[in-house]
Amino acid sequence: MYLRNAILFTIFLLIFNACDTKKEEPFLTTLEQESEMITPQDKALHKEKSQTEQEVATKELQNPQLSNEFFILKDSNETLYTLTLAPKQIAFNHKQKEIVVLSFISNTCNPCLAQLPYLNDLYQSEKKDAFFAAILMHKTLSKEAINTFVQKENIAYFVASGSDNTPFTSKLMHSLNIEENFPMPLTVIYLQGKYYTHYEGIVPIEMIAYDIEQAKHTLKQGK
């Protein structure tokens, strides 16, 4: 009886192991098929694609200024100037003079206030050839306060004071590799839509006047 039970138990183990082997075969076969389908060329392409995607993502993080940006500069009287900003380029979306002088100022900046009278005189002498605009850096100035500031300082050119001032300034500083905590006044000159030169902090007005004259000379040579 003992021998008979041992034989039956052995037969049962053989049948059980055979069933287990049978169940695992399709899974093993599937893995083998998938391994055969992924060729070395596929692996190389996947690696190259991953590297490319990573490089693009890195460039976008390092330089969010890859694409053009659209802004609306507005003064306290609702006069609008729309423009497109690209790296070291600017384009007003209407006919404008070929020389653009942008001055970034604050009503609480003493160097800015000291330069304003000279910049006003320069505007009067160059307004036929150059477009002047002041970008007023402020947080909570009312319309009345802005108008009072403009009248007190006798600013005859356009003074942008709208909500786009801050994002426009930030993007422009980034495009010119200028620190966002730049010293004011900051003056930037563009010639035919392309960056020409800039000055950080107060500088002799003769320097700005000289560079405007040089820009005018470049325009004459190009005609």
Protein backbone atom coordinates (compact mmCIF):
# COMPACT_ATOMS: atom_id res chain seq x y z
CA MET A 1 0.00 0.00 0.00
CA TYR A 2 2.83 2.36 0.86
CA LEU A 3 4.54 1.70 -2.49
CA ARG A 4 1.31 2.34 -4.34
CA ASN A 5 0.78 5.69 -2.60
CA ALA A 6 4.35 6.74 -3.34
CA ILE A 7 3.90 5.95 -7.03
CA LEU A 8 0.63 7.91 -7.17
CA PHE A 9 2.23 10.89 -5.40
CA THR A 10 5.15 10.88 -7.86
CA ILE A 11 2.76 10.82 -10.83
CA PHE A 12 0.82 13.75 -9.31
CA LEU A 13 4.01 15.83 -8.94
CA LEU A 14 5.00 15.16 -12.56
CA ILE A 15 1.56 16.27 -13.82
CA PHE A 16 1.60 19.44 -11.62
CA ASN A 17 5.07 20.49 -12.81
CA ALA A 18 4.07 19.93 -16.39
CA CYS A 19 1.06 22.22 -15.95
CA ASP A 20 3.19 24.96 -14.38
CA THR A 21 5.70 24.79 -17.21
CA LYS A 22 2.90 25.00 -19.74
CA LYS A 23 1.45 28.12 -18.12
CA GLU A 24 4.80 29.97 -18.10
CA GLU A 25 5.69 29.21 -21.71
CA PRO A 26 3.47 31.87 -23.35
CA PHE A 27 4.84 34.57 -21.00
CA LEU A 28 8.43 33.61 -21.74
CA THR A 29 7.70 33.49 -25.44
CA THR A 30 6.15 36.97 -25.35
CA LEU A 31 9.22 38.42 -23.66
CA GLU A 32 11.49 36.78 -26.19
CA GLN A 33 9.39 38.16 -29.06
CA GLU A 34 9.50 41.70 -27.63
CA SER A 35 13.27 41.47 -27.18
CA GLU A 36 13.65 40.41 -30.78
CA MET A 37 11.43 43.32 -31.97
CA ILE A 38 13.57 46.02 -30.22
CA THR A 39 16.62 46.22 -32.45
CA PRO A 40 19.88 48.09 -31.64
CA GLN A 41 18.82 50.71 -34.20
CA ASP A 42 15.57 51.27 -32.31
CA LYS A 43 17.47 51.72 -29.07
CA ALA A 44 19.83 54.24 -30.70
CA LEU A 45 16.91 56.24 -32.15
CA HIS A 46 15.13 56.29 -28.80
CA LYS A 47 18.27 57.51 -27.04
CA GLU A 48 18.84 60.24 -29.66
CA LYS A 49 15.21 61.39 -29.39
CA SER A 50 15.42 61.58 -25.59
CA GLN A 51 18.64 63.59 -25.79
CA THR A 52 17.11 65.99 -28.33
CA GLU A 53 13.99 66.53 -26.21
CA GLN A 54 16.15 67.18 -23.16
CA GLU A 55 18.29 69.71 -25.05
CA VAL A 56 15.21 71.58 -26.31
CA ALA A 57 13.72 71.68 -22.82
CA THR A 58 17.02 72.97 -21.41
CA LYS A 59 17.26 75.73 -24.04
CA GLU A 60 13.69 76.82 -23.33
CA LEU A 61 14.44 77.05 -19.60
CA GLN A 62 17.67 78.93 -20.17
CA ASN A 63 16.20 81.26 -22.80
CA PRO A 64 12.46 81.92 -22.57
CA GLN A 65 13.01 84.67 -25.13
CA LEU A 66 13.24 82.27 -28.08
CA SER A 67 9.95 83.51 -29.53
CA ASN A 68 8.70 87.03 -30.23
CA GLU A 69 6.64 88.85 -27.60
CA PHE A 70 3.82 91.33 -28.21
CA PHE A 71 3.28 94.33 -25.90
CA ILE A 72 1.09 97.41 -25.65
CA LEU A 73 2.66 100.55 -24.22
CA LYS A 74 0.07 103.01 -22.94
CA ASP A 75 0.31 106.44 -21.34
CA SER A 76 -2.05 108.04 -18.82
CA ASN A 77 -4.06 109.62 -21.65
CA GLU A 78 -4.73 106.20 -23.22
CA THR A 79 -2.37 106.79 -26.18
CA LEU A 80 -1.24 103.34 -27.34
CA TYR A 81 1.87 102.04 -29.04
CA THR A 82 1.89 98.35 -29.93
CA LEU A 83 5.20 96.63 -30.53
CA THR A 84 6.84 93.26 -31.03
CA LEU A 85 9.98 92.41 -29.09
CA ALA A 86 12.53 89.82 -30.17
CA PRO A 87 16.12 89.19 -29.02
CA LYS A 88 17.95 92.50 -29.65
CA GLN A 89 15.16 93.67 -31.98
CA ILE A 90 12.06 95.80 -31.62
CA ALA A 91 9.28 96.58 -34.08
CA PHE A 92 6.49 99.06 -33.53
CA ASN A 93 3.38 97.81 -35.32
CA HIS A 94 2.83 101.06 -37.16
CA LYS A 95 5.07 103.43 -39.11
CA GLN A 96 7.68 104.83 -36.76
CA LYS A 97 10.98 106.64 -37.00
CA GLU A 98 14.05 104.50 -37.69
CA ILE A 99 15.81 105.59 -34.51
CA VAL A 100 14.11 104.68 -31.23
CA VAL A 101 15.31 105.95 -27.86
CA LEU A 102 13.82 104.20 -24.82
CA SER A 103 14.47 105.62 -21.37
CA PHE A 104 13.59 103.52 -18.31
CA ILE A 105 12.98 105.84 -15.39
CA SER A 106 11.24 106.21 -12.03
CA ASN A 107 9.68 109.28 -10.44
CA THR A 108 11.60 108.50 -7.24
CA CYS A 109 14.99 107.98 -8.92
CA ASN A 110 17.24 111.00 -8.31
CA PRO A 111 19.65 110.26 -11.19
CA CYS A 112 16.60 109.96 -13.49
CA LEU A 113 15.29 113.35 -12.35
CA ALA A 114 18.72 114.87 -12.84
CA GLN A 115 18.96 113.60 -16.43
CA LEU A 116 15.41 114.47 -17.50
CA PRO A 117 16.00 118.18 -18.38
CA TYR A 118 18.89 117.24 -20.67
CA LEU A 119 16.93 114.41 -22.24
CA ASN A 120 14.05 116.82 -22.84
CA ASP A 121 16.40 119.19 -24.70
CA LEU A 122 17.81 116.29 -26.71
CA TYR A 123 14.30 115.25 -27.70
CA GLN A 124 13.51 118.75 -28.96
CA SER A 125 16.60 118.73 -31.19
CA GLU A 126 16.21 115.14 -32.46
CA LYS A 127 12.43 114.57 -32.59
CA LYS A 128 12.37 114.81 -36.40
CA ASP A 129 14.66 111.79 -36.70
CA ALA A 130 14.14 109.80 -33.50
CA PHE A 131 11.20 108.47 -31.53
CA PHE A 132 11.58 109.01 -27.77
CA ALA A 133 9.68 107.08 -25.13
CA ALA A 134 10.04 106.92 -21.37
CA ILE A 135 9.09 103.66 -19.65
CA LEU A 136 7.92 104.64 -16.19
CA MET A 137 8.79 102.05 -13.56
CA HIS A 138 6.22 102.29 -10.80
CA LYS A 139 3.87 100.07 -8.80
CA THR A 140 0.91 102.08 -7.59
CA LEU A 141 0.96 105.53 -9.19
CA SER A 142 -2.44 106.98 -9.96
CA LYS A 143 -3.27 108.67 -13.24
CA GLU A 144 -3.23 112.05 -11.52
CA ALA A 145 0.19 111.39 -9.98
CA ILE A 146 1.62 110.36 -13.35
CA ASN A 147 0.23 113.47 -15.07
CA THR A 148 1.60 115.66 -12.29
CA PHE A 149 5.04 114.06 -12.66
CA VAL A 150 5.05 114.48 -16.47
CA GLN A 151 3.98 118.13 -16.26
CA LYS A 152 6.41 118.96 -13.47
CA GLU A 153 9.35 117.52 -15.39
CA ASN A 154 8.19 119.06 -18.70
CA ILE A 155 8.35 115.73 -20.52
CA ALA A 156 7.08 116.38 -24.04
CA TYR A 157 7.55 112.87 -25.42
CA PHE A 158 5.60 109.66 -24.83
CA VAL A 159 5.62 108.31 -21.26
CA ALA A 160 4.43 104.69 -20.98
CA SER A 161 2.73 103.97 -17.66
CA GLY A 162 0.49 100.98 -18.44
CA SER A 163 0.38 97.44 -17.08
CA ASP A 164 2.70 96.10 -19.82
CA ASN A 165 5.62 98.20 -18.59
CA THR A 166 6.89 95.58 -16.14
CA PRO A 167 6.71 92.48 -18.39
CA PHE A 168 8.05 94.49 -21.34
CA THR A 169 11.01 95.72 -19.29
CA SER A 170 11.72 92.24 -17.97
CA LYS A 171 11.74 90.69 -21.45
CA LEU A 172 13.83 93.48 -22.92
CA MET A 173 16.42 93.21 -20.15
CA HIS A 174 16.62 89.47 -20.71
CA SER A 175 17.04 89.88 -24.47
CA LEU A 176 19.94 92.31 -23.92
CA ASN A 177 21.53 90.26 -21.09
CA ILE A 178 21.03 93.11 -18.62
CA GLU A 179 20.36 92.37 -14.96
CA GLU A 180 16.76 93.12 -13.98
CA ASN A 181 17.94 95.23 -11.03
CA PHE A 182 19.65 97.59 -13.49
CA PRO A 183 20.72 101.07 -12.42
CA MET A 184 18.37 103.82 -13.59
CA PRO A 185 18.07 105.70 -15.78
CA LEU A 186 18.62 103.06 -18.42
CA THR A 187 18.65 104.31 -22.00
CA VAL A 188 18.44 101.94 -24.98
CA ILE A 189 18.79 102.98 -28.62
CA TYR A 190 17.51 100.95 -31.57
CA LEU A 191 18.37 101.62 -35.20
CA GLN A 192 15.99 100.28 -37.85
CA GLY A 193 14.53 97.92 -35.31
CA LYS A 194 17.87 96.46 -34.22
CA TYR A 195 19.73 97.03 -31.00
CA TYR A 196 22.30 99.83 -31.37
CA THR A 197 23.61 100.68 -27.90
CA HIS A 198 22.56 101.31 -24.31
CA TYR A 199 23.68 103.17 -21.19
CA GLU A 200 23.20 101.95 -17.63
CA GLY A 201 22.83 104.74 -15.11
CA ILE A 202 23.20 108.45 -15.69
CA VAL A 203 25.67 109.44 -18.42
CA PRO A 204 26.61 112.78 -20.03
CA ILE A 205 23.88 113.71 -22.47
CA GLU A 206 26.61 114.35 -25.05
CA MET A 207 27.25 110.59 -25.21
CA ILE A 208 23.64 109.87 -26.13
CA ALA A 209 23.56 112.77 -28.58
CA TYR A 210 26.76 111.54 -30.23
CA ASP A 211 25.41 108.01 -30.71
CA ILE A 212 22.16 109.35 -32.18
CA GLU A 213 24.20 111.40 -34.67
CA GLN A 214 26.23 108.30 -35.52
CA ALA A 215 23.00 106.37 -36.09
CA LYS A 216 21.74 109.12 -38.40
CA HIS A 217 25.03 108.98 -40.28
CA THR A 218 24.63 105.20 -40.71
CA LEU A 219 21.16 105.74 -42.14
CA LYS A 220 22.46 108.28 -44.67
CA GLN A 221 25.21 105.90 -45.78
CA GLY A 222 22.65 103.17 -46.33
CA LYS A 223 20.53 105.30 -48.67
